[in-house]
Amino acid sequence: MPALMALRKRAQGEKPLAGAKIVGCTHITAQTAVLMETLGALGAQCRWAACNIYSTLNEVAAALAESGFPVFAWKGESEDDFWWCIDRCVNVEGWQPNMILDDGGDLTHWIYKKYPNMFKKIKGIVEESVTGVHRLYQLSKAGKLCVPAMNVNDSVTKQKFDNLYCCRESILDGLKRTTDMMFGGKQVVVCGYGEVGKGCCAALKAMGSIVYVTEIDPICALQACMDGFRLVKLNEVIRQVDIVITCTEYYDAYSMDRYSPYGMLVAPFNLLFEMAPFNIFLSPEWDLPCLMMCLLYMFQASLRTPELTWERVRSQVDHVIWPDGKRIVLLAEGRLLNLSCSTVPTFVLSITATTQALALIELYNAPEGRYKQDVYLLPKKMDEYVASLHLPTFDAHLTELTDEQAKYLGLNKNGPFKPNYYR
């Protein structure tokens, strides 16, 4: 994690987070441990819980606890365990957080629900996920956001690297580990051509799959066409494709009402999964011979009905069987695929973690009045700084503007080089 280590080396003498008490709710992996150690080296105290019940690495949680970091998480928590861990992380005598680092909004939601008075001392929230950011904007619009919040999810480094390049690699890794499926020659429809969709399409195309794309946005749709993918409506290809992937956070991307008249999928083995986590819901009544779903947050609850039989195949893989014998294969009980069933490249997580650390430093040290009770994007200068810290890994050498060039372009020689609205 080159950037995070560089940040630790440059800033630990200044201790920019001295006095910060950070409560975090993210995936607890080795990379998160490096982030927590970095925050500690910069002067912060940290307490942590997991944002996903399956992504925690128990050995990492144990090592962090042994090192003095209060961590409340283990792999395979129940839903009650999940909320208990968050509560224990927050509710401790003699210690009150003044910063929040969240992934999904559950920690922020819990504090709003159970301990709203804590916001009197909290200086800011840093949020990483689509759903968490959506919740923050809802609070802001309703006038209920009590503190400034930094939207890390929509920073350029997060969108282009975590969403695009990470998914390009982790989609194949997660599915190979759990299904041993061969992608060559498979017909695939990818719903959504944002950064996640672009990464998925590139990976599948490189493996020899025949890839179709669905889109609602004409700009993204045109990009898909220019990249060589056929743009279709889902009902045009639903009978012939082997794999259906949703890369959108939209509600009810697939439903029985819309697609059952088309006969659904007819391939001998059908695979459906989700690459944009947290607020996707599918209809379990689909007439499918075999259906596989990944990353369908909370979807598994709708499958816990008396008429359906659950059959554990192996860790993180379940058959859900209907009375007529039709079945689906459910991975990680419908939760996040790449961190539940495989791994995410450390280099990508270095980019995300460094962005989170800088956002925490910015909000914690901001003078009063700089940020109001609203949601803000990470300043472009910080985005560029995160990218620059990773360039030495490739022995890359940036070209520097001359004074004349900078004057002509109306830029500072040291950046930022793009306007804040650039994505």
Foldseek 3Di string as FASTA:
>chain_A
DQLLVVCLVVQLVVLLCAPAEEEEEEQADPLVLSLQVSNVSSHYAYEYEYPAQQLHDVVSQVVCVVVPHHYQHDHRDDPVSRVVRLCVRQDDPPDHGQEYEYEQQPSVVCCVVPPVVSLVRHLEYEYAAPNNVVVLQVCVVVVNQSHEYAYANPQPLNQQQVQAVQLLPLVVVLCCLPPVDQLAAFEEEEEDQGRNNNSVVVNSVVSHYQYAYEYDDVVSVVVCVVVPHHYDDCLVCQAPGQEYEYEDLDEAPDECVVHVVSVGYDDPHHEYEYDRADRYEYYPPHPDQEYEYARQPPNLVVLPDPQWDWDDPDPQWIWIAGPVGRIYIYGNSHRHRSSNRHHTDSLSSQLSSQSSVVVRSCSVPPPPPPGDSHYHYDPLLSNVVSVVSPVVVVVDDDDWDDPVRCVVVVADRSDDPDDPVDD
